[in-house]
Amino acid sequence: MSVPTQIVEDVVIKFAGDSGDGMQLTGSQFTNNTALIGNDLSTFPDFPAEIRAPQGTVPGVSGYQLHFSSNRIFTPGDNCDVLVAMNAAALKVNLKSLKPGGIIIANTDGFDSKNLRLANYPDGVNPIEDGSLQGYELHKIDVTKLTREALKDIQLGVKEKDRAKNMFVLGFLYWLYNRDLTSTFSFLHDKFGKKPEILESNIRSLQAGYNYADTVEAFSTRYRVEKAKLPPGKYRSITGNTALAYGLVAASEKSMLPLFLGTYPITPASDILHDLSKLKNFGIRTFQAEDEIAGITSAIGASYGGSLGVTTTSGPGMALKTEAMGLAMMLEIPLLIINIQRGGPSTGLPTKTEQSDLLQAYYGRNGECPMPVISASTPSDCFFAAYEAVRIAVQHMTPVILLSDGYIANGAEPWRYPKSDDLEPIKVTFKKGLDEGEEKFLPYKRDEKLVRPWAVPGTAGLEHRIGGLEKEDITGNVSYDNENHQHMVKTREAKVEKIADYIPLQTLDSGPETGDILVLGWGSTYGAIKSAVAELQAQGKAVAHAHLRYVRPFPRNLGEMLGKYKKVLIPEINNGQLIKVIRDRYLIDAVGFNKIKGVPITRTELVKAISDIL
């Protein structure tokens, strides 16, 4: 008997299980399939903090949340419609985020006495058997047993067969949401083509999950989400770190500067190194250094030699790089420092997201050491943020800090990628020799931007002194003169502030030009703010949204914009950092909304916060 199909607009699925259950792979495959269909989507992978947490325990739960829709969406969703729980710990961690009446697909093998004990359920309590889930649509499936049955004639050990159970779940959900299996078949052939037995086990398991759903009549309805009405163009699903890597490649090509990445692996920044290392056909050189200091200093050397020097890290690595960052500032050469923020301090929450390094980017170096700070807002926006950060670095001869975070670095969304011709060229000028009338090279003689010339070592007649000691104005000689030091400190600051003359004015993302509340955001709060403000605007509220890309210096008109609203609300995934800078700079009584739980701010939370102020 065929099962009728219901058209729905929005679905949020949470895949959750032990860190060895393959939930990240399952979620990413469903995401790729969703992108091919043409739905709008947003994802939130949630990794355990330990590389291999004790199996079956709450700290070991790995999750992947996917929101897909036939409408435009901007967040991975506040609550789930479907929860896949591969074991008791996964249910315990994620049940609170499931909507009333939501679907639970529970792997019964993960709810035996051992798993219940590891998840710290009281003796005798089994949530999938004791009626405590009556408010939900519970589907109990022995995924482990069914997977083994489907693979009974394949010559693999039990552990190897059990690794394919995530494909069984994926096949089950493909049936439930009217999906074609072809994209995942292609992925499996690419990944396991040289391992025929593993390939066959995954393909059989995927097909078995689909067939099981089709035959057991567990669901009276299947669901389909229609293609989203997105602007025309070519799209792909992309994560923030991959988009950032591509933005660096594009900037390298458009500036005609060879790209050098000197870095040390750190969660959640390591994927940028992985992605760029695959793109050597663009003339990219990647160097995995022995530590954070070697990573940044190698990038400084590359920039000094006329390349585009880049280093990547997260908060702890930023702390280690600070002395070298000061050197780059003193040298006044281009350098891009990319910080994919995570929970801190110290090692903190290495796999959880936070926006807690803004003040570090502003002030976290010895001496007066101002640097431009650029912020990315969404996964696809990382491409354009990286491109702009490179432009500022090379055209203003300064190190630039680019801030992303774990949420957007690992999250995915559709990206309508630009053509090369759509990207503005990044003009770079090297000094080739002495100008007419010059008797000798003056390395700190500045132009109208207060920018000194970029002279590649080895160019005849352009020999000059480098190093971290204070430079004499114009000549670049070492100087201990107190008047010169104050002058150079003020000049370096003025150069950074003058960048505001070469960036766009701040615009509103939405809302009236004057009103009750302006919600001012930066970074990964973009989607939650946009969704919350849109909901309140639909109710007739005078609420506006502005989002910062340029965090230092601010756009010239930002202060004027802030003054047009009765209240300014600044949501942040930290304890209040941008708000300190805004209050100091513009002397306004801004209101903060802060969440420091290692997870993003939700639309619902912001709607309430704004409504309370109104």
Foldseek 3Di string as FASTA:
>chain_A
DDFAADEDFKFKEKEKFFPLQCQVVLQVLVVQLLVVQAWWKKKFWFQQLDPHPPHLELSRMTMMMMMTGQEHAQYSDQAHQEYEYAADSRCVVRVVRHDFQHEYEYQVVRQPPVSCVRHPDPPPDGPVPPCPNVRYHYDYDNLLVLQCVLCVPQPDDSVLSSSLSSLLVSLLLCLQAVTDCVSVLVVLCVVCVVPVSSSVSNVSSNPSSNVCNVPPPSDNYGYYHHRHPDPDFDKGKFFQLLLLLVLLLLLCVLQVFEEEFQEADAPPNNVSLVNNVVPCVSVYHYHHDPALCRRQVVLLVSQLQGHAREYEEEDVSLLVNQVVLLQQLQQLAFYEYEYAYFADDPCGRRQFKFPACPVCLQDVHPDLRGAWEFEAAASNSSSVLSSVLSLCRQVLSHYYYYYAYNRRNGMITMDRDDDSVVDDRRYHDADQADDPPDPAAFQQDADPLSGGHRYRPPRPRHDADGDNAHAAHRRGDHDPDPVRVVVVSVSSLSSQLSCLVVDDAWDWPDFDLAFAEEEEEEYHCVSLVVVLQVVVVVVVHRYTYTYDRTLGPHHPCPLVSCVRYNAYEYEGAHPDDSVVVCCVPNVDPHHYDYHPPSHHDHNVVVNVVVVVSD
